[in-house]
């Protein structure tokens, strides 16, 4: 089940609009503290910019929403970015749109388009992805079955995340909740019942860019 959408990676983008330079910065974040630290970092990087417009949305229900116009006319920059993110169903992101004024005023509508347009470019550059609730299984098995399990993961309904080689092999596997029992049965059949299920937990996982791995 898709819980929410966010961005895969931190990213930067830039465009020139009526001689003004707009630089968009975006980062996936989990907390207000992370968002504020990122915003302060970009502000420090561009101390001489005309404006550094920050915005963030956090929480699977968009619980935390904040933005500032940073000197631009009220409602022309920060707020439209937040509205765009919520409308697109995107959360757990922080953005800063830096502007170096080029001498031509854009007007209210022009500012809204410039800031939201740069924010959308940053989203695309960062890679919009879905976040799903998945089942993570930690399993211990004999070395002789590890290669077969790797091969099965290439075409199966699960992914092999981590492997620890000790007296036996411990693997972390991730699968959609509806395939969890099928995966456990498959491992048991593969190992002749000799595998040991150490733990099974729910976790949120980013699953590729929207449009490719939805």
N, C-alpha and C. Protein backbone atom coordinates (compact mmCIF):
# COMPACT_ATOMS: atom_id res chain seq x y z
N UNK A 1 0.85 -1.20 0.00
CA UNK A 1 0.00 0.00 0.00
C UNK A 1 0.88 1.24 0.00
N UNK A 2 0.63 2.16 -0.93
CA UNK A 2 1.37 3.42 -0.97
C UNK A 2 0.89 4.31 0.18
N UNK A 3 1.83 4.71 1.04
CA UNK A 3 1.50 5.55 2.19
C UNK A 3 1.54 7.02 1.81
N UNK A 4 2.58 7.39 1.06
CA UNK A 4 2.68 8.77 0.58
C UNK A 4 3.70 8.83 -0.55
N UNK A 5 3.89 10.04 -1.12
CA UNK A 5 4.91 10.24 -2.14
C UNK A 5 5.92 11.26 -1.62
N UNK A 6 7.16 11.11 -2.05
CA UNK A 6 8.20 12.03 -1.64
C UNK A 6 9.24 12.11 -2.75
N UNK A 7 10.45 12.58 -2.45
CA UNK A 7 11.51 12.58 -3.45
C UNK A 7 12.57 11.56 -3.06
N UNK A 8 13.21 11.00 -4.06
CA UNK A 8 14.21 9.96 -3.84
C UNK A 8 15.51 10.54 -3.30
N UNK A 9 15.95 11.68 -3.89
CA UNK A 9 17.27 12.21 -3.56
C UNK A 9 17.25 13.72 -3.36
N UNK A 10 18.27 14.21 -2.68
CA UNK A 10 18.51 15.65 -2.62
C UNK A 10 18.92 16.12 -4.00
N UNK A 11 18.46 17.32 -4.39
CA UNK A 11 18.74 17.77 -5.76
C UNK A 11 18.77 19.29 -5.84
N UNK A 12 19.32 19.76 -6.95
CA UNK A 12 19.42 21.19 -7.23
C UNK A 12 19.09 21.42 -8.69
N UNK A 13 18.38 22.52 -8.98
CA UNK A 13 18.05 22.86 -10.35
C UNK A 13 18.08 24.37 -10.50
N UNK A 14 18.08 24.85 -11.72
CA UNK A 14 18.18 26.31 -11.93
C UNK A 14 17.51 26.70 -13.23
N UNK A 15 16.91 27.89 -13.23
CA UNK A 15 16.38 28.46 -14.46
C UNK A 15 16.43 29.98 -14.38
N UNK A 16 16.47 30.62 -15.55
CA UNK A 16 16.45 32.08 -15.65
C UNK A 16 15.08 32.50 -16.15
N UNK A 17 14.44 33.41 -15.40
CA UNK A 17 13.12 33.92 -15.79
C UNK A 17 13.18 35.44 -15.77
N UNK A 18 13.02 36.05 -16.94
CA UNK A 18 13.07 37.52 -17.05
C UNK A 18 14.30 38.09 -16.34
N UNK A 19 15.44 37.48 -16.63
CA UNK A 19 16.76 37.89 -16.12
C UNK A 19 16.99 37.60 -14.63
N UNK A 20 15.95 37.11 -13.93
CA UNK A 20 16.16 36.69 -12.54
C UNK A 20 16.60 35.23 -12.53
N UNK A 21 17.55 34.95 -11.64
CA UNK A 21 18.08 33.59 -11.52
C UNK A 21 17.36 32.89 -10.37
N UNK A 22 16.69 31.78 -10.68
CA UNK A 22 15.97 31.00 -9.68
C UNK A 22 16.69 29.65 -9.53
N UNK A 23 17.13 29.35 -8.30
CA UNK A 23 17.81 28.09 -8.01
C UNK A 23 16.95 27.31 -7.03
N UNK A 24 16.59 26.09 -7.40
CA UNK A 24 15.74 25.27 -6.55
C UNK A 24 16.53 24.18 -5.85
N UNK A 25 16.38 24.11 -4.54
CA UNK A 25 17.03 23.06 -3.74
C UNK A 25 15.94 22.24 -3.05
N UNK A 26 16.11 20.93 -3.06
CA UNK A 26 15.13 20.06 -2.43
C UNK A 26 15.84 18.92 -1.72
N UNK A 27 15.24 18.47 -0.61
CA UNK A 27 15.83 17.36 0.14
C UNK A 27 14.73 16.56 0.82
N UNK A 28 14.80 15.23 0.78
CA UNK A 28 13.86 14.41 1.57
C UNK A 28 14.20 14.55 3.05
N UNK A 29 13.19 14.78 3.89
CA UNK A 29 13.40 14.96 5.33
C UNK A 29 12.32 14.18 6.09
N UNK A 30 12.62 13.88 7.35
CA UNK A 30 11.67 13.16 8.19
C UNK A 30 11.16 14.00 9.35
N UNK A 31 11.90 15.07 9.71
CA UNK A 31 11.55 15.87 10.88
C UNK A 31 11.68 17.36 10.58
N UNK A 32 11.05 18.16 11.42
CA UNK A 32 11.18 19.62 11.32
C UNK A 32 12.64 20.04 11.48
N UNK A 33 13.36 19.37 12.40
CA UNK A 33 14.76 19.72 12.65
C UNK A 33 15.62 19.51 11.40
N UNK A 34 15.38 18.40 10.71
CA UNK A 34 16.10 18.14 9.45
C UNK A 34 15.80 19.23 8.42
N UNK A 35 14.52 19.58 8.31
CA UNK A 35 14.11 20.60 7.34
C UNK A 35 14.75 21.95 7.65
N UNK A 36 14.72 22.33 8.91
CA UNK A 36 15.27 23.63 9.31
C UNK A 36 16.78 23.68 9.10
N UNK A 37 17.46 22.57 9.38
CA UNK A 37 18.92 22.52 9.17
C UNK A 37 19.25 22.68 7.69
N UNK A 38 18.47 22.04 6.83
CA UNK A 38 18.68 22.15 5.38
C UNK A 38 18.42 23.58 4.91
N UNK A 39 17.34 24.18 5.38
CA UNK A 39 17.00 25.55 5.00
C UNK A 39 18.11 26.51 5.43
N UNK A 40 18.61 26.35 6.65
CA UNK A 40 19.68 27.22 7.14
C UNK A 40 20.96 27.06 6.34
N UNK A 41 21.21 25.82 5.90
CA UNK A 41 22.40 25.54 5.08
C UNK A 41 22.34 26.30 3.75
N UNK A 42 21.18 26.27 3.11
CA UNK A 42 21.03 26.96 1.82
C UNK A 42 21.07 28.47 2.01
N UNK A 43 20.45 28.96 3.07
CA UNK A 43 20.49 30.40 3.35
C UNK A 43 21.93 30.87 3.55
N UNK A 44 22.73 30.08 4.24
CA UNK A 44 24.13 30.44 4.46
C UNK A 44 24.92 30.42 3.16
N UNK A 45 24.58 29.48 2.29
CA UNK A 45 25.25 29.36 1.00
C UNK A 45 24.96 30.55 0.10
N UNK A 46 23.77 31.12 0.24
CA UNK A 46 23.36 32.23 -0.62
C UNK A 46 22.99 33.46 0.22
N UNK A 47 23.94 33.90 1.03
CA UNK A 47 23.69 35.05 1.91
C UNK A 47 23.38 36.32 1.12
N UNK A 48 23.92 36.42 -0.08
CA UNK A 48 23.75 37.63 -0.88
C UNK A 48 22.58 37.56 -1.86
N UNK A 49 21.81 36.48 -1.80
CA UNK A 49 20.66 36.36 -2.71
C UNK A 49 19.59 37.38 -2.35
N UNK A 50 18.78 37.75 -3.32
CA UNK A 50 17.67 38.68 -3.06
C UNK A 50 16.64 38.04 -2.15
N UNK A 51 16.35 36.76 -2.38
CA UNK A 51 15.38 36.02 -1.56
C UNK A 51 15.82 34.56 -1.47
N UNK A 52 15.60 33.96 -0.31
CA UNK A 52 15.71 32.51 -0.13
C UNK A 52 14.37 32.04 0.44
N UNK A 53 13.51 31.56 -0.44
CA UNK A 53 12.14 31.20 -0.04
C UNK A 53 12.10 29.73 0.41
N UNK A 54 11.82 29.49 1.71
CA UNK A 54 11.80 28.12 2.21
C UNK A 54 10.38 27.56 2.33
N UNK A 55 10.29 26.23 2.26
CA UNK A 55 9.00 25.57 2.47
C UNK A 55 9.26 24.12 2.84
N UNK A 56 8.39 23.58 3.68
CA UNK A 56 8.46 22.14 3.93
C UNK A 56 7.09 21.58 4.26
N UNK A 57 6.92 20.30 3.93
CA UNK A 57 5.73 19.53 4.29
C UNK A 57 6.22 18.22 4.88
N UNK A 58 5.73 17.85 6.06
CA UNK A 58 6.19 16.66 6.76
C UNK A 58 5.00 15.90 7.34
N UNK A 59 5.07 14.57 7.28
CA UNK A 59 4.03 13.73 7.85
C UNK A 59 3.22 13.03 6.79
N UNK A 60 2.82 11.77 7.05
CA UNK A 60 2.07 11.02 6.04
C UNK A 60 0.68 11.59 5.79
N UNK A 61 0.23 12.46 6.70
CA UNK A 61 -1.04 13.17 6.49
C UNK A 61 -0.80 14.67 6.32
N UNK A 62 0.43 15.03 5.93
CA UNK A 62 0.81 16.44 5.71
C UNK A 62 0.62 17.27 6.98
N UNK A 63 0.95 16.68 8.14
CA UNK A 63 0.66 17.33 9.42
C UNK A 63 1.42 18.64 9.61
N UNK A 64 2.68 18.69 9.17
CA UNK A 64 3.48 19.90 9.33
C UNK A 64 3.63 20.58 7.97
N UNK A 65 3.12 21.81 7.89
CA UNK A 65 3.25 22.60 6.67
C UNK A 65 3.75 23.99 7.06
N UNK A 66 4.83 24.42 6.42
CA UNK A 66 5.37 25.74 6.76
C UNK A 66 6.08 26.33 5.56
N UNK A 67 5.99 27.65 5.43
CA UNK A 67 6.69 28.36 4.36
C UNK A 67 6.83 29.82 4.73
N UNK A 68 7.75 30.49 4.05
CA UNK A 68 7.94 31.93 4.22
C UNK A 68 8.12 32.55 2.84
N UNK A 69 7.65 33.78 2.68
CA UNK A 69 7.85 34.50 1.42
C UNK A 69 9.19 35.22 1.39
N UNK A 70 9.86 35.31 2.52
CA UNK A 70 11.20 35.89 2.62
C UNK A 70 11.33 37.21 1.85
N UNK A 71 10.37 38.09 2.07
CA UNK A 71 10.47 39.43 1.48
C UNK A 71 9.73 39.61 0.17
N UNK A 72 9.32 38.52 -0.47
CA UNK A 72 8.49 38.64 -1.67
C UNK A 72 7.08 39.04 -1.22
N UNK A 73 6.27 39.62 -2.12
CA UNK A 73 4.89 39.97 -1.75
C UNK A 73 4.15 38.78 -1.15
N UNK A 74 3.38 39.02 -0.12
CA UNK A 74 2.73 37.95 0.63
C UNK A 74 1.90 37.03 -0.28
N UNK A 75 2.09 35.73 -0.11
CA UNK A 75 1.30 34.74 -0.84
C UNK A 75 1.76 34.46 -2.25
N UNK A 76 2.94 34.99 -2.64
CA UNK A 76 3.39 34.81 -4.03
C UNK A 76 4.46 33.74 -4.20
N UNK A 77 4.97 33.18 -3.09
CA UNK A 77 6.11 32.26 -3.23
C UNK A 77 6.01 31.05 -2.31
N UNK A 78 6.22 31.25 -1.01
CA UNK A 78 6.24 30.11 -0.09
C UNK A 78 4.93 29.34 -0.03
N UNK A 79 3.84 30.06 0.20
CA UNK A 79 2.53 29.40 0.32
C UNK A 79 2.14 28.62 -0.94
N UNK A 80 2.31 29.18 -2.14
CA UNK A 80 1.97 28.41 -3.34
C UNK A 80 2.79 27.13 -3.50
N UNK A 81 4.05 27.14 -3.02
CA UNK A 81 4.87 25.93 -3.08
C UNK A 81 4.27 24.85 -2.20
N UNK A 82 3.89 25.22 -0.97
CA UNK A 82 3.28 24.25 -0.05
C UNK A 82 1.97 23.72 -0.63
N UNK A 83 1.15 24.60 -1.19
CA UNK A 83 -0.12 24.19 -1.78
C UNK A 83 0.11 23.22 -2.93
N UNK A 84 1.14 23.47 -3.73
CA UNK A 84 1.46 22.58 -4.85
C UNK A 84 1.88 21.21 -4.35
N UNK A 85 2.72 21.16 -3.30
CA UNK A 85 3.17 19.89 -2.75
C UNK A 85 2.00 19.06 -2.23
N UNK A 86 1.12 19.70 -1.47
CA UNK A 86 -0.03 18.98 -0.90
C UNK A 86 -0.97 18.50 -2.01
N UNK A 87 -1.19 19.35 -3.00
CA UNK A 87 -2.06 18.96 -4.12
C UNK A 87 -1.49 17.75 -4.86
N UNK A 88 -0.16 17.69 -4.98
CA UNK A 88 0.49 16.57 -5.67
C UNK A 88 0.66 15.35 -4.78
N UNK A 89 0.28 15.49 -3.49
CA UNK A 89 0.39 14.36 -2.57
C UNK A 89 1.82 14.06 -2.15
N UNK A 90 2.65 15.10 -2.12
CA UNK A 90 4.07 14.93 -1.82
C UNK A 90 4.37 15.48 -0.43
N UNK A 91 5.06 14.68 0.39
CA UNK A 91 5.39 15.09 1.75
C UNK A 91 6.80 14.65 2.11
N UNK A 92 7.20 14.97 3.34
CA UNK A 92 8.55 14.68 3.82
C UNK A 92 9.62 15.26 2.90
N UNK A 93 9.41 16.52 2.53
CA UNK A 93 10.38 17.25 1.71
C UNK A 93 10.56 18.67 2.24
N UNK A 94 11.77 19.19 2.05
CA UNK A 94 12.06 20.60 2.33
C UNK A 94 12.62 21.21 1.06
N UNK A 95 12.21 22.43 0.78
CA UNK A 95 12.69 23.15 -0.41
C UNK A 95 13.16 24.55 -0.03
N UNK A 96 14.11 25.03 -0.79
CA UNK A 96 14.47 26.45 -0.76
C UNK A 96 14.61 26.90 -2.20
N UNK A 97 13.88 27.95 -2.55
CA UNK A 97 14.02 28.53 -3.89
C UNK A 97 14.76 29.85 -3.71
N UNK A 98 15.99 29.89 -4.22
CA UNK A 98 16.83 31.08 -4.12
C UNK A 98 16.64 31.94 -5.36
N UNK A 99 16.49 33.26 -5.14
CA UNK A 99 16.30 34.17 -6.28
C UNK A 99 17.33 35.29 -6.23
N UNK A 100 17.99 35.48 -7.38
CA UNK A 100 18.83 36.65 -7.59
C UNK A 100 18.10 37.55 -8.58
N UNK A 101 17.64 38.69 -8.10
CA UNK A 101 16.79 39.58 -8.89
C UNK A 101 17.55 40.10 -10.10
N UNK A 102 16.88 40.05 -11.27
CA UNK A 102 17.51 40.46 -12.51
C UNK A 102 17.10 41.82 -13.03
N UNK A 103 16.27 42.53 -12.25
CA UNK A 103 15.92 43.90 -12.63
C UNK A 103 14.54 44.04 -13.25
N UNK A 104 13.87 42.93 -13.53
CA UNK A 104 12.53 42.99 -14.13
C UNK A 104 11.53 42.40 -13.14
N UNK A 105 10.54 43.19 -12.74
CA UNK A 105 9.51 42.71 -11.82
C UNK A 105 8.57 41.75 -12.56
N UNK A 106 8.18 40.68 -11.88
CA UNK A 106 7.38 39.64 -12.51
C UNK A 106 5.89 39.79 -12.25
N UNK A 107 5.50 40.59 -11.26
CA UNK A 107 4.09 40.70 -10.91
C UNK A 107 3.65 39.50 -10.08
N UNK A 108 2.48 39.62 -9.48
CA UNK A 108 1.99 38.58 -8.58
C UNK A 108 1.90 37.21 -9.26
N UNK A 109 1.22 37.16 -10.38
CA UNK A 109 1.06 35.89 -11.10
C UNK A 109 2.38 35.33 -11.58
N UNK A 110 3.25 36.21 -12.04
CA UNK A 110 4.56 35.78 -12.53
C UNK A 110 5.42 35.18 -11.42
N UNK A 111 5.33 35.78 -10.23
CA UNK A 111 6.08 35.25 -9.09
C UNK A 111 5.60 33.86 -8.71
N UNK A 112 4.28 33.71 -8.64
CA UNK A 112 3.72 32.39 -8.29
C UNK A 112 4.19 31.33 -9.29
N UNK A 113 4.13 31.65 -10.57
CA UNK A 113 4.54 30.70 -11.61
C UNK A 113 6.03 30.40 -11.52
N UNK A 114 6.83 31.43 -11.26
CA UNK A 114 8.28 31.25 -11.20
C UNK A 114 8.68 30.36 -10.03
N UNK A 115 8.11 30.62 -8.86
CA UNK A 115 8.49 29.85 -7.67
C UNK A 115 7.95 28.42 -7.71
N UNK A 116 6.69 28.26 -8.10
CA UNK A 116 6.15 26.89 -8.17
C UNK A 116 6.78 26.12 -9.32
N UNK A 117 7.08 26.81 -10.40
CA UNK A 117 7.73 26.14 -11.54
C UNK A 117 9.12 25.65 -11.18
N UNK A 118 9.87 26.46 -10.45
CA UNK A 118 11.21 26.04 -10.03
C UNK A 118 11.11 24.90 -9.02
N UNK A 119 10.11 24.97 -8.14
CA UNK A 119 9.90 23.88 -7.18
C UNK A 119 9.57 22.57 -7.90
N UNK A 120 8.76 22.63 -8.95
CA UNK A 120 8.42 21.43 -9.71
C UNK A 120 9.65 20.85 -10.41
N UNK A 121 10.52 21.73 -10.92
CA UNK A 121 11.76 21.27 -11.55
C UNK A 121 12.64 20.55 -10.53
N UNK A 122 12.69 21.10 -9.31
CA UNK A 122 13.48 20.46 -8.25
C UNK A 122 12.91 19.08 -7.90
N UNK A 123 11.57 18.99 -7.85
CA UNK A 123 10.93 17.70 -7.59
C UNK A 123 11.30 16.68 -8.66
N UNK A 124 11.24 17.09 -9.91
CA UNK A 124 11.56 16.18 -11.02
C UNK A 124 13.02 15.75 -10.96
N UNK A 125 13.90 16.69 -10.61
CA UNK A 125 15.32 16.38 -10.55
C UNK A 125 15.61 15.42 -9.39
N UNK A 126 14.94 15.63 -8.27
CA UNK A 126 15.11 14.74 -7.12
C UNK A 126 14.51 13.38 -7.34
N UNK A 127 13.52 13.30 -8.21
CA UNK A 127 12.88 12.02 -8.52
C UNK A 127 11.72 11.69 -7.60
N UNK A 128 10.49 11.96 -8.04
CA UNK A 128 9.32 11.66 -7.22
C UNK A 128 9.16 10.15 -7.11
N UNK A 129 8.97 9.68 -5.89
CA UNK A 129 8.83 8.24 -5.69
C UNK A 129 7.71 7.95 -4.70
N UNK A 130 7.23 6.71 -4.72
CA UNK A 130 6.20 6.29 -3.78
C UNK A 130 6.86 5.63 -2.58
N UNK A 131 6.24 5.79 -1.42
CA UNK A 131 6.70 5.14 -0.20
C UNK A 131 5.63 4.13 0.20
N UNK A 132 6.03 2.86 0.30
CA UNK A 132 5.09 1.80 0.61
C UNK A 132 5.42 1.16 1.95
N UNK A 133 4.39 0.62 2.58
CA UNK A 133 4.60 -0.19 3.77
C UNK A 133 4.90 -1.61 3.32
N UNK A 134 6.05 -2.13 3.74
CA UNK A 134 6.49 -3.45 3.31
C UNK A 134 6.79 -4.32 4.53
N UNK A 135 6.90 -5.62 4.30
CA UNK A 135 7.31 -6.56 5.34
C UNK A 135 8.80 -6.85 5.17
N UNK A 136 9.55 -6.73 6.25
CA UNK A 136 10.97 -7.07 6.23
C UNK A 136 11.20 -8.33 7.06
N UNK A 137 11.79 -9.34 6.45
CA UNK A 137 12.05 -10.61 7.12
C UNK A 137 13.56 -10.79 7.27
N UNK A 138 13.99 -11.15 8.45
CA UNK A 138 15.39 -11.53 8.67
C UNK A 138 15.44 -13.04 8.83
N UNK A 139 16.20 -13.69 7.96
CA UNK A 139 16.22 -15.15 7.90
C UNK A 139 17.67 -15.65 7.96
N UNK A 140 17.88 -16.74 8.69
CA UNK A 140 19.18 -17.38 8.77
C UNK A 140 19.10 -18.72 8.04
N UNK A 141 20.07 -18.95 7.14
CA UNK A 141 20.06 -20.20 6.37
C UNK A 141 21.48 -20.64 6.06
N UNK A 142 21.60 -21.85 5.55
CA UNK A 142 22.89 -22.42 5.23
C UNK A 142 23.48 -21.76 3.97
N UNK A 143 24.80 -21.70 3.91
CA UNK A 143 25.50 -21.09 2.78
C UNK A 143 25.06 -21.66 1.43
N UNK A 144 24.77 -22.94 1.40
CA UNK A 144 24.44 -23.61 0.13
C UNK A 144 23.18 -23.06 -0.52
N UNK A 145 22.35 -22.38 0.24
CA UNK A 145 21.08 -21.87 -0.32
C UNK A 145 21.15 -20.38 -0.71
N UNK A 146 22.26 -19.73 -0.35
CA UNK A 146 22.33 -18.28 -0.55
C UNK A 146 22.28 -17.90 -2.03
N UNK A 147 23.06 -18.59 -2.86
CA UNK A 147 23.08 -18.29 -4.29
C UNK A 147 21.73 -18.49 -4.95
N UNK A 148 21.05 -19.57 -4.56
CA UNK A 148 19.72 -19.84 -5.12
C UNK A 148 18.73 -18.75 -4.73
N UNK A 149 18.83 -18.30 -3.46
CA UNK A 149 17.93 -17.24 -2.99
C UNK A 149 18.19 -15.94 -3.76
N UNK A 150 19.46 -15.63 -4.02
CA UNK A 150 19.79 -14.45 -4.81
C UNK A 150 19.16 -14.52 -6.20
N UNK A 151 19.28 -15.67 -6.84
CA UNK A 151 18.71 -15.85 -8.17
C UNK A 151 17.19 -15.71 -8.16
N UNK A 152 16.56 -16.27 -7.13
CA UNK A 152 15.10 -16.21 -7.03
C UNK A 152 14.62 -14.78 -6.80
N UNK A 153 15.45 -13.95 -6.14
CA UNK A 153 15.05 -12.56 -5.88
C UNK A 153 14.97 -11.74 -7.16
N UNK A 154 15.70 -12.17 -8.20
CA UNK A 154 15.71 -11.43 -9.46
C UNK A 154 14.35 -11.48 -10.15
N UNK A 155 13.63 -12.57 -9.97
CA UNK A 155 12.35 -12.74 -10.64
C UNK A 155 11.18 -12.91 -9.68
N UNK A 156 11.46 -12.84 -8.39
CA UNK A 156 10.41 -13.08 -7.40
C UNK A 156 9.75 -11.81 -6.90
N UNK A 157 8.88 -11.98 -5.91
CA UNK A 157 8.16 -10.85 -5.34
C UNK A 157 8.84 -10.33 -4.08
N UNK A 158 10.18 -10.40 -4.08
CA UNK A 158 10.91 -9.92 -2.92
C UNK A 158 12.27 -9.38 -3.35
N UNK A 159 12.89 -8.63 -2.43
CA UNK A 159 14.21 -8.06 -2.69
C UNK A 159 15.13 -8.43 -1.54
N UNK A 160 16.36 -8.76 -1.87
CA UNK A 160 17.36 -9.10 -0.88
C UNK A 160 18.14 -7.83 -0.53
N UNK A 161 18.06 -7.40 0.72
CA UNK A 161 18.67 -6.13 1.11
C UNK A 161 20.09 -6.30 1.66
N UNK A 162 20.22 -6.99 2.79
CA UNK A 162 21.51 -7.12 3.45
C UNK A 162 21.85 -8.59 3.66
N UNK A 163 23.15 -8.87 3.66
CA UNK A 163 23.62 -10.23 3.91
C UNK A 163 24.77 -10.21 4.91
N UNK A 164 24.70 -11.05 5.92
CA UNK A 164 25.77 -11.18 6.91
C UNK A 164 26.27 -12.62 6.87
N UNK A 165 27.58 -12.78 6.64
CA UNK A 165 28.18 -14.11 6.54
C UNK A 165 28.86 -14.46 7.87
N UNK A 166 28.28 -15.41 8.56
CA UNK A 166 28.88 -15.91 9.81
C UNK A 166 28.92 -17.43 9.72
N UNK A 167 28.58 -18.11 10.82
CA UNK A 167 28.52 -19.57 10.75
C UNK A 167 27.43 -20.01 9.77
N UNK A 168 26.35 -19.20 9.72
CA UNK A 168 25.31 -19.34 8.69
C UNK A 168 25.15 -17.98 8.02
N UNK A 169 24.34 -17.91 6.98
CA UNK A 169 24.09 -16.65 6.29
C UNK A 169 22.81 -16.04 6.83
N UNK A 170 22.89 -14.77 7.24
CA UNK A 170 21.70 -14.05 7.67
C UNK A 170 21.34 -13.04 6.59
N UNK A 171 20.11 -13.09 6.12
CA UNK A 171 19.68 -12.20 5.04
C UNK A 171 18.45 -11.40 5.47
N UNK A 172 18.40 -10.15 5.02
CA UNK A 172 17.23 -9.31 5.20
C UNK A 172 16.49 -9.24 3.87
N UNK A 173 15.23 -9.64 3.90
CA UNK A 173 14.40 -9.67 2.69
C UNK A 173 13.24 -8.73 2.86
N UNK A 174 12.81 -8.12 1.76
CA UNK A 174 11.68 -7.21 1.83
C UNK A 174 10.66 -7.60 0.77
N UNK A 175 9.38 -7.56 1.16
CA UNK A 175 8.32 -7.97 0.24
C UNK A 175 7.04 -7.23 0.59
N UNK A 176 6.11 -7.22 -0.34
CA UNK A 176 4.82 -6.61 -0.06
C UNK A 176 4.08 -7.49 0.94
N UNK A 177 3.28 -6.88 1.84
CA UNK A 177 2.61 -7.65 2.89
C UNK A 177 1.84 -8.86 2.37
N UNK A 178 1.21 -8.71 1.21
CA UNK A 178 0.40 -9.82 0.69
C UNK A 178 1.24 -11.00 0.20
N UNK A 179 2.57 -10.79 0.04
CA UNK A 179 3.44 -11.88 -0.42
C UNK A 179 4.28 -12.46 0.71
N UNK A 180 4.12 -11.97 1.94
CA UNK A 180 4.98 -12.38 3.06
C UNK A 180 4.87 -13.88 3.35
N UNK A 181 3.65 -14.39 3.44
CA UNK A 181 3.48 -15.82 3.74
C UNK A 181 4.00 -16.69 2.61
N UNK A 182 3.76 -16.25 1.40
CA UNK A 182 4.27 -16.98 0.22
C UNK A 182 5.80 -17.04 0.25
N UNK A 183 6.44 -15.93 0.65
CA UNK A 183 7.90 -15.88 0.71
C UNK A 183 8.42 -16.83 1.80
N UNK A 184 7.78 -16.84 2.95
CA UNK A 184 8.21 -17.73 4.03
C UNK A 184 8.09 -19.20 3.62
N UNK A 185 7.01 -19.53 2.92
CA UNK A 185 6.82 -20.90 2.44
C UNK A 185 7.89 -21.26 1.42
N UNK A 186 8.19 -20.32 0.54
CA UNK A 186 9.19 -20.56 -0.51
C UNK A 186 10.57 -20.81 0.10
N UNK A 187 10.94 -20.03 1.14
CA UNK A 187 12.24 -20.21 1.79
C UNK A 187 12.29 -21.55 2.52
N UNK A 188 11.18 -21.89 3.17
CA UNK A 188 11.12 -23.18 3.87
C UNK A 188 11.28 -24.34 2.90
N UNK A 189 10.63 -24.24 1.73
CA UNK A 189 10.75 -25.30 0.72
C UNK A 189 12.16 -25.36 0.15
N UNK A 190 12.75 -24.18 -0.07
CA UNK A 190 14.11 -24.11 -0.63
C UNK A 190 15.12 -24.78 0.29
N UNK A 191 14.96 -24.54 1.59
CA UNK A 191 15.96 -25.03 2.57
C UNK A 191 15.56 -26.35 3.22
N UNK A 192 14.45 -26.92 2.80
CA UNK A 192 13.99 -28.15 3.41
C UNK A 192 13.61 -27.97 4.87
N UNK A 193 13.15 -26.75 5.19
CA UNK A 193 12.71 -26.46 6.55
C UNK A 193 13.84 -26.14 7.52
N UNK A 194 15.07 -25.99 7.01
CA UNK A 194 16.21 -25.75 7.90
C UNK A 194 16.46 -24.26 8.18
N UNK A 195 15.78 -23.39 7.47
CA UNK A 195 15.98 -21.94 7.68
C UNK A 195 15.33 -21.51 8.99
N UNK A 196 15.83 -20.39 9.53
CA UNK A 196 15.30 -19.86 10.79
C UNK A 196 14.81 -18.43 10.55
N UNK A 197 13.53 -18.18 10.82
CA UNK A 197 13.00 -16.83 10.73
C UNK A 197 13.32 -16.10 12.03
N UNK A 198 14.22 -15.13 11.98
CA UNK A 198 14.66 -14.42 13.18
C UNK A 198 13.66 -13.33 13.57
N UNK A 199 13.19 -12.58 12.57
CA UNK A 199 12.26 -11.49 12.86
C UNK A 199 11.46 -11.14 11.62
N UNK A 200 10.32 -10.48 11.85
CA UNK A 200 9.49 -9.96 10.77
C UNK A 200 8.88 -8.64 11.24
N UNK A 201 9.14 -7.58 10.47
CA UNK A 201 8.68 -6.24 10.86
C UNK A 201 8.11 -5.50 9.67
N UNK A 202 7.32 -4.48 9.98
CA UNK A 202 6.83 -3.56 8.96
C UNK A 202 7.81 -2.41 8.84
N UNK A 203 8.02 -1.91 7.61
CA UNK A 203 8.85 -0.73 7.43
C UNK A 203 8.42 0.00 6.18
N UNK A 204 8.71 1.31 6.14
CA UNK A 204 8.38 2.12 4.97
C UNK A 204 9.58 2.15 4.04
N UNK A 205 9.31 1.94 2.74
CA UNK A 205 10.38 1.82 1.76
C UNK A 205 10.08 2.69 0.55
N UNK A 206 11.10 3.42 0.09
CA UNK A 206 10.97 4.18 -1.15
C UNK A 206 11.11 3.22 -2.32
N UNK A 207 10.16 3.29 -3.24
CA UNK A 207 10.15 2.37 -4.36
C UNK A 207 10.24 3.09 -5.69
N UNK A 208 11.46 3.46 -6.08
CA UNK A 208 11.71 3.97 -7.40
C UNK A 208 10.99 5.23 -7.77
N UNK A 209 11.33 5.76 -8.93
CA UNK A 209 10.69 6.98 -9.42
C UNK A 209 9.30 6.67 -9.95
N UNK A 210 8.37 7.58 -9.70
CA UNK A 210 7.02 7.43 -10.23
C UNK A 210 7.09 7.37 -11.75
N UNK A 211 6.36 6.43 -12.31
CA UNK A 211 6.38 6.28 -13.77
C UNK A 211 7.23 5.10 -14.19
N UNK A 212 8.17 4.68 -13.29
CA UNK A 212 9.02 3.53 -13.60
C UNK A 212 8.69 2.33 -12.74
N UNK A 213 8.64 2.57 -11.41
CA UNK A 213 8.45 1.47 -10.48
C UNK A 213 7.26 1.71 -9.56
N UNK A 214 6.20 2.21 -10.12
CA UNK A 214 5.02 2.55 -9.29
C UNK A 214 4.30 1.30 -8.83
